[in-house]
Amino acid sequence: MTGDVVVAPSQPGGKALSDLDLVHRLSNGRVDLTFGSALDIFGGSGVKYADCVAYNAAAMRTIT
């Protein structure tokens, strides 16, 4: 469904922290990205929860 709205390629969820920058850049900030099983708190090894929190905190500082 996202592929019908967004011209950029989409995937069900992020697999690496760098996906946050990619999705933000390609969507001009209009698409949010979720992480599920890639997160370390769910047994994944692709993304650390603490890194996601830090990324979002830094992003919020640039917005406000």
C-alpha atoms as a PDB file:
ATOM      1  CA  MET A   1       0.000   0.000   0.000  1.00  0.00           C
ATOM      2  CA  THR A   2       2.807   2.451   0.811  1.00  0.00           C
ATOM      3  CA  GLY A   3       4.250   1.805  -2.636  1.00  0.00           C
ATOM      4  CA  ASP A   4       1.021   3.165  -4.152  1.00  0.00           C
ATOM      5  CA  VAL A   5       1.442   6.485  -2.346  1.00  0.00           C
ATOM      6  CA  VAL A   6       5.212   6.960  -2.148  1.00  0.00           C
ATOM      7  CA  VAL A   7       7.303   6.911  -5.286  1.00  0.00           C
ATOM      8  CA  ALA A   8      10.325   5.624  -3.333  1.00  0.00           C
ATOM      9  CA  PRO A   9      10.805   1.890  -2.816  1.00  0.00           C
ATOM     10  CA  SER A  10       9.361   0.673   0.467  1.00  0.00           C
ATOM     11  CA  GLN A  11       9.788  -2.299   2.728  1.00  0.00           C
ATOM     12  CA  PRO A  12       7.791  -3.613   5.677  1.00  0.00           C
ATOM     13  CA  GLY A  13      10.254  -2.277   8.255  1.00  0.00           C
ATOM     14  CA  GLY A  14      13.742  -1.056   8.877  1.00  0.00           C
ATOM     15  CA  LYS A  15      16.667  -3.448   8.982  1.00  0.00           C
ATOM     16  CA  ALA A  16      19.493  -1.013   9.839  1.00  0.00           C
ATOM     17  CA  LEU A  17      19.686   2.371  11.524  1.00  0.00           C
ATOM     18  CA  SER A  18      20.782   3.929   8.231  1.00  0.00           C
ATOM     19  CA  ASP A  19      17.318   3.079   6.869  1.00  0.00           C
ATOM     20  CA  LEU A  20      15.932   5.953   8.977  1.00  0.00           C
ATOM     21  CA  ASP A  21      17.966   8.517   7.035  1.00  0.00           C
ATOM     22  CA  LEU A  22      17.160   6.894   3.709  1.00  0.00           C
ATOM     23  CA  VAL A  23      13.397   6.835   4.277  1.00  0.00           C
ATOM     24  CA  HIS A  24      13.388  10.373   5.658  1.00  0.00           C
ATOM     25  CA  ARG A  25      15.355  11.680   2.677  1.00  0.00           C
ATOM     26  CA  LEU A  26      13.366   9.828   0.001  1.00  0.00           C
ATOM     27  CA  SER A  27       9.987  10.749   1.495  1.00  0.00           C
ATOM     28  CA  ASN A  28      10.863  14.328   2.456  1.00  0.00           C
ATOM     29  CA  GLY A  29       9.950  13.391   6.014  1.00  0.00           C
ATOM     30  CA  ARG A  30       6.439  12.206   5.117  1.00  0.00           C
ATOM     31  CA  VAL A  31       6.951   8.517   5.907  1.00  0.00           C
ATOM     32  CA  ASP A  32       7.768   7.063   9.313  1.00  0.00           C
ATOM     33  CA  LEU A  33       9.804   3.888   9.553  1.00  0.00           C
ATOM     34  CA  THR A  34       9.249   1.149  12.086  1.00  0.00           C
ATOM     35  CA  PHE A  35      11.621  -1.476  13.381  1.00  0.00           C
ATOM     36  CA  GLY A  36      10.390  -4.815  14.633  1.00  0.00           C
ATOM     37  CA  SER A  37      12.343  -8.027  14.779  1.00  0.00           C
ATOM     38  CA  ALA A  38      15.552  -6.235  13.753  1.00  0.00           C
ATOM     39  CA  LEU A  39      15.639  -4.526  17.170  1.00  0.00           C
ATOM     40  CA  ASP A  40      17.919  -5.996  19.791  1.00  0.00           C
ATOM     41  CA  ILE A  41      15.140  -5.883  22.401  1.00  0.00           C
ATOM     42  CA  PHE A  42      13.211  -8.358  20.229  1.00  0.00           C
ATOM     43  CA  GLY A  43      16.188 -10.640  19.682  1.00  0.00           C
ATOM     44  CA  GLY A  44      17.443  -9.006  16.494  1.00  0.00           C
ATOM     45  CA  SER A  45      20.961  -7.929  15.743  1.00  0.00           C
ATOM     46  CA  GLY A  46      20.353  -5.250  13.119  1.00  0.00           C
ATOM     47  CA  VAL A  47      19.420  -2.274  15.276  1.00  0.00           C
ATOM     48  CA  LYS A  48      19.988  -1.298  18.896  1.00  0.00           C
ATOM     49  CA  TYR A  49      16.972   0.207  20.637  1.00  0.00           C
ATOM     50  CA  ALA A  50      19.195   2.783  22.358  1.00  0.00           C
ATOM     51  CA  ASP A  51      20.496   3.934  18.951  1.00  0.00           C
ATOM     52  CA  CYS A  52      16.927   4.468  17.700  1.00  0.00           C
ATOM     53  CA  VAL A  53      16.088   6.506  20.791  1.00  0.00           C
ATOM     54  CA  ALA A  54      19.216   8.631  20.314  1.00  0.00           C
ATOM     55  CA  TYR A  55      18.446   9.134  16.598  1.00  0.00           C
ATOM     56  CA  ASN A  56      14.919  10.314  17.338  1.00  0.00           C
ATOM     57  CA  ALA A  57      16.062  12.582  20.164  1.00  0.00           C
ATOM     58  CA  ALA A  58      18.589  14.231  17.837  1.00  0.00           C
ATOM     59  CA  ALA A  59      15.951  14.578  15.106  1.00  0.00           C
ATOM     60  CA  MET A  60      13.547  16.250  17.512  1.00  0.00           C
ATOM     61  CA  ARG A  61      16.225  18.770  18.521  1.00  0.00           C
ATOM     62  CA  THR A  62      16.624  19.831  14.873  1.00  0.00           C
ATOM     63  CA  ILE A  63      12.865  20.268  14.434  1.00  0.00           C
ATOM     64  CA  THR A  64      12.206  22.420  17.490  1.00  0.00           C
END
